């Protein structure tokens, strides 16, 4: 049973976009590895930008500076 975990920042991703991510990740495993879509699990974790760091600082600060 394949398990895919997608982590994105919490910034207004719609339910439709999430559904497309789930479908697309599932289809990729079907196409590339021949996995059964009925047993493929996809989880989307949304992370606040205060809890996502790049280059030693939170994304919130980087975005406020325009970095």
C-alpha atoms as a PDB file:
ATOM      1  CA  UNK A   1       0.000   0.000   0.000  1.00  0.00           C
ATOM      2  CA  UNK A   2       1.755   3.197  -1.162  1.00  0.00           C
ATOM      3  CA  UNK A   3       1.667   6.184   1.163  1.00  0.00           C
ATOM      4  CA  UNK A   4       2.323   9.693  -0.145  1.00  0.00           C
ATOM      5  CA  UNK A   5       2.668  12.676   2.193  1.00  0.00           C
ATOM      6  CA  UNK A   6       2.440  16.125   0.592  1.00  0.00           C
ATOM      7  CA  UNK A   7       3.440  19.063   2.785  1.00  0.00           C
ATOM      8  CA  UNK A   8       2.436  22.565   1.742  1.00  0.00           C
ATOM      9  CA  UNK A   9       2.244  25.914   3.475  1.00  0.00           C
ATOM     10  CA  UNK A  10      -1.205  26.921   4.697  1.00  0.00           C
ATOM     11  CA  UNK A  11      -2.014  29.689   2.247  1.00  0.00           C
ATOM     12  CA  UNK A  12      -5.508  29.321   0.904  1.00  0.00           C
ATOM     13  CA  UNK A  13      -5.258  26.088  -1.062  1.00  0.00           C
ATOM     14  CA  UNK A  14      -8.783  25.172  -2.092  1.00  0.00           C
ATOM     15  CA  UNK A  15     -10.528  21.841  -1.613  1.00  0.00           C
ATOM     16  CA  UNK A  16     -10.545  21.467  -5.408  1.00  0.00           C
ATOM     17  CA  UNK A  17      -6.785  21.970  -5.597  1.00  0.00           C
ATOM     18  CA  UNK A  18      -6.238  19.404  -2.847  1.00  0.00           C
ATOM     19  CA  UNK A  19      -8.474  16.928  -4.650  1.00  0.00           C
ATOM     20  CA  UNK A  20      -6.398  17.432  -7.799  1.00  0.00           C
ATOM     21  CA  UNK A  21      -3.178  16.832  -5.840  1.00  0.00           C
ATOM     22  CA  UNK A  22      -4.600  13.605  -4.412  1.00  0.00           C
ATOM     23  CA  UNK A  23      -5.761  12.408  -7.828  1.00  0.00           C
ATOM     24  CA  UNK A  24      -2.498  13.394  -9.507  1.00  0.00           C
ATOM     25  CA  UNK A  25      -0.241  11.738  -6.928  1.00  0.00           C
ATOM     26  CA  UNK A  26      -2.344   8.585  -7.069  1.00  0.00           C
ATOM     27  CA  UNK A  27      -2.243   8.517 -10.875  1.00  0.00           C
ATOM     28  CA  UNK A  28       1.532   9.036 -10.865  1.00  0.00           C
ATOM     29  CA  UNK A  29       1.999   5.903  -8.743  1.00  0.00           C
ATOM     30  CA  UNK A  30      -0.318   3.986 -11.061  1.00  0.00           C
ATOM     31  CA  UNK A  31       1.522   5.169 -14.186  1.00  0.00           C
ATOM     32  CA  UNK A  32       5.111   4.854 -12.962  1.00  0.00           C
ATOM     33  CA  UNK A  33       4.972   1.924 -10.545  1.00  0.00           C
ATOM     34  CA  UNK A  34       1.797   0.114 -11.536  1.00  0.00           C
ATOM     35  CA  UNK A  35       0.305   0.556  -8.063  1.00  0.00           C
ATOM     36  CA  UNK A  36      -3.336  -0.092  -7.294  1.00  0.00           C
ATOM     37  CA  UNK A  37      -5.124   3.253  -6.838  1.00  0.00           C
ATOM     38  CA  UNK A  38      -7.610   1.622  -4.446  1.00  0.00           C
ATOM     39  CA  UNK A  39      -4.835   0.985  -1.912  1.00  0.00           C
ATOM     40  CA  UNK A  40      -2.870   4.207  -2.448  1.00  0.00           C
ATOM     41  CA  UNK A  41      -3.033   6.656   0.451  1.00  0.00           C
ATOM     42  CA  UNK A  42      -2.332  10.371  -0.045  1.00  0.00           C
ATOM     43  CA  UNK A  43      -2.150  12.754   2.921  1.00  0.00           C
ATOM     44  CA  UNK A  44      -1.841  16.531   2.602  1.00  0.00           C
ATOM     45  CA  UNK A  45      -0.366  18.375   5.583  1.00  0.00           C
ATOM     46  CA  UNK A  46      -0.796  22.133   5.635  1.00  0.00           C
ATOM     47  CA  UNK A  47       1.848  23.915   7.700  1.00  0.00           C
ATOM     48  CA  UNK A  48       1.596  27.495   8.950  1.00  0.00           C
ATOM     49  CA  UNK A  49       4.334  29.664   7.420  1.00  0.00           C
ATOM     50  CA  UNK A  50       5.546  30.461  10.970  1.00  0.00           C
ATOM     51  CA  UNK A  51       6.344  26.734  11.283  1.00  0.00           C
ATOM     52  CA  UNK A  52       8.116  26.364   7.918  1.00  0.00           C
ATOM     53  CA  UNK A  53      11.697  27.555   7.776  1.00  0.00           C
ATOM     54  CA  UNK A  54      14.087  28.181   4.912  1.00  0.00           C
ATOM     55  CA  UNK A  55      17.640  29.416   5.341  1.00  0.00           C
ATOM     56  CA  UNK A  56      17.324  29.642   9.110  1.00  0.00           C
ATOM     57  CA  UNK A  57      14.196  31.768   9.270  1.00  0.00           C
ATOM     58  CA  UNK A  58      10.418  31.321   9.092  1.00  0.00           C
ATOM     59  CA  UNK A  59       8.761  31.680   5.704  1.00  0.00           C
ATOM     60  CA  UNK A  60       6.470  34.345   7.205  1.00  0.00           C
ATOM     61  CA  UNK A  61       9.465  36.667   7.720  1.00  0.00           C
ATOM     62  CA  UNK A  62      10.958  35.896   4.313  1.00  0.00           C
ATOM     63  CA  UNK A  63       7.672  36.688   2.584  1.00  0.00           C
ATOM     64  CA  UNK A  64       7.224  39.918   4.570  1.00  0.00           C
ATOM     65  CA  UNK A  65      10.631  41.046   3.250  1.00  0.00           C
ATOM     66  CA  UNK A  66       9.792  39.913  -0.263  1.00  0.00           C
ATOM     67  CA  UNK A  67      12.464  37.192  -0.287  1.00  0.00           C
END
